[in-house]
Every structure is written in C-alpha cells, then in structure tokens.
Amino acid sequence: MTDPVQIRMGGYGPPSTTHSRALKMIGDALEAEFGDEVDVKYVWNVMDFGYRSEDVLWLAESGVLTIVYQSTSYLTGRVPELGFVDLPFLFADNARARAAMDGALGDHLKQCIEDRVNYRMLGFFENGFRHISNRLRPVRRPDDLAAMRIRVLPSRIQARTFELLGATPLAIDLTEAIEGITEGTIDAQENPLANTVTYGVHKFHRYHTLSNHFYISRGVFANRTALEAMPAEMQAALDRAVTAATVRQRELAVAEEEIARQAIVDEGCEIAALTAAEQALFADAVRPLHDEAKEMFGARMFALLHEG
C-alpha cells in the first residue's frame, strides 16, 4: 500500500481565526476527496512552540510545513515587488482590492515570488484594511501621531508611511510587538480590528482609529518541492480547495471585523471613525510615497491594478 501524502499546514493564530478556519477547509476538502491517500495535520500557532510569526515562511520554504499563510509584507526584502501592495490608500474598498489580488496584479506578484523562493503560490487570503490603535491619545489627524512609537510590518514602504505621518515606526515581528505593547514600550500598532482583538492589544490600547491606511493580503505559500511531488489530481484538487476556502475566508473576515469592533467597545475603548476630510489629511500626508512608487515600480504595476 502506498504511504499517504503528508500535508502539514500552519500559521500564527488560534484555530478560531478566519485564516486557521480556511486552512481547515482546505484540509477537509482534500480528506473528503482522497481519504486515506492523504494525511493532513495542523500547527495552528507556531508562536505556541517558541517560533516567531515570521518563521512560518522558512518553515514552509524548508519543507517542515507544507502550506502556510503569512502577510506578504514579510517577504518584501526578498521580493521587492510586494512592496507595491504595501502602499497606503492603494485600494478604495475590499471589492477592488480582491479583484486586483485575484487578477493580473496578483498573478504578477505570484510569479515574482515563485521566481525567487521555493514556493508555489496558491492564492491570497484577506488580512484586510488596517487601523491604528494606541495607548496615549485619540488620533484623528496625522499630527496626533507625532513621536508615537508604532509597530509596523517589516516593510520599508510601511515604515516610510508612518515616518511621513510623523510617527516613529518600529519594523518588528509580531512576537516582539505583543511583548512591547504589553510592557508599554510600544505606544501604537496598526492591524485589522480582528487581529487587534485576537492578540489582546485592545486590553492595553484605549484609542482606536478606523484609518483604513493599508490593505494587506496573507499569501498562501506552499513548499514547491512537496507540492510538485503530489499526484497531479491532488495538486488540482488543492488549487480548487484554496480557491473555495479563500472566498469563504473573506466572507468570514467581514463578519469577524464587526465582532472585533464590538469587543473593543465592550473593553471600554474609544473608536474614532474618521470623516472624509480627516481621511484626506492622512492620504495627503503620504502622497509623496505614491510619487516615489511610480519611479520605483514603474507605470506597469499601477496599470495592473485595473486589469482582470
């Protein structure tokens, strides 16, 4: 009897998050179709085992894990093109962001990743629009961020964004960020509301601003060697399962944001919903970064935003 194909999936959140649930949907679909021919196991949160959240990338690249998710910002050092989707205020809403990541822009970014790293890119889960939280004061305009020490993802463009907004960006891993927020050595952070609640940040940050400054995807990365060793029909089934799970994950993410918003209110925190004029102040402050990006990435990348 042939040994089953082993698939190990992992991430950096509890089983209840939309990303973990999406991994389980993928695994369930493969088990339903292939039965004993496949052996699927999960490592929901690598941080529970002493790893940093960013470690999921090398765990997949080396083959320790078969499939993982991670914010694409973590790979910008090796795949500079991913910095393009770190630009602030690049997408107006979820629909346009999803269309771009599922269309020509996403296809181009997948190819850039696969050209440089031992991955097969299976798709893009939604991490969604990010907002600012802090322990010091309400933030309704860029001046309110002056000198705040804010944790950002390890992306030069994201760091530059908050420099333009007047803050002091700290590009550090989530593990260190949670520690700094708990100890009060980090004043602020930016995340979707669901992440803010999942990692308990709302227990330490009273002030939350619905800034919608970045839309970030979590790529679904597969170890290329392991994937290409699978039977062709299993590879095809995996692609179908990821596509279906991504649709459902995005639906769940919208609902999860509303649940998280209520949890923040229940904790006694303040949520500032910016007016259009206040939002424009933030967009105007970072406009130089878009001008720099046109030179950095070229007009082609901007054109891909609108190609299906």
Foldseek 3Di string as FASTA:
>chain_A
DDQAQEAEEEAAFDCPALQNVLVVLLVVLLCVVPPRNYDYDYDYRCVVVVDFRLVVVVCQLVPVHFKYWAWCQSCCVQQVLSLVQQAWPLDDDDVLVQCLCPFDLVVVSQVSDVVGTQWRWLGWAWQFFKWKFFAPDADLALVVQAAAEEEDANHPNNQVLNVLSRYHYDHDTPVVVLVCLVVVVHGMYMGQLLVCVRSVSLLRTQYIERQSTHTIIIIIIGRNVSLVPDPPVSNVSSSVSSVVSRVVSVVVVVVSSVVSVVVSVVSVHDYHYHDPVSSVNSVVSSVVSVVVVCVVPNPVSVVSSPGD
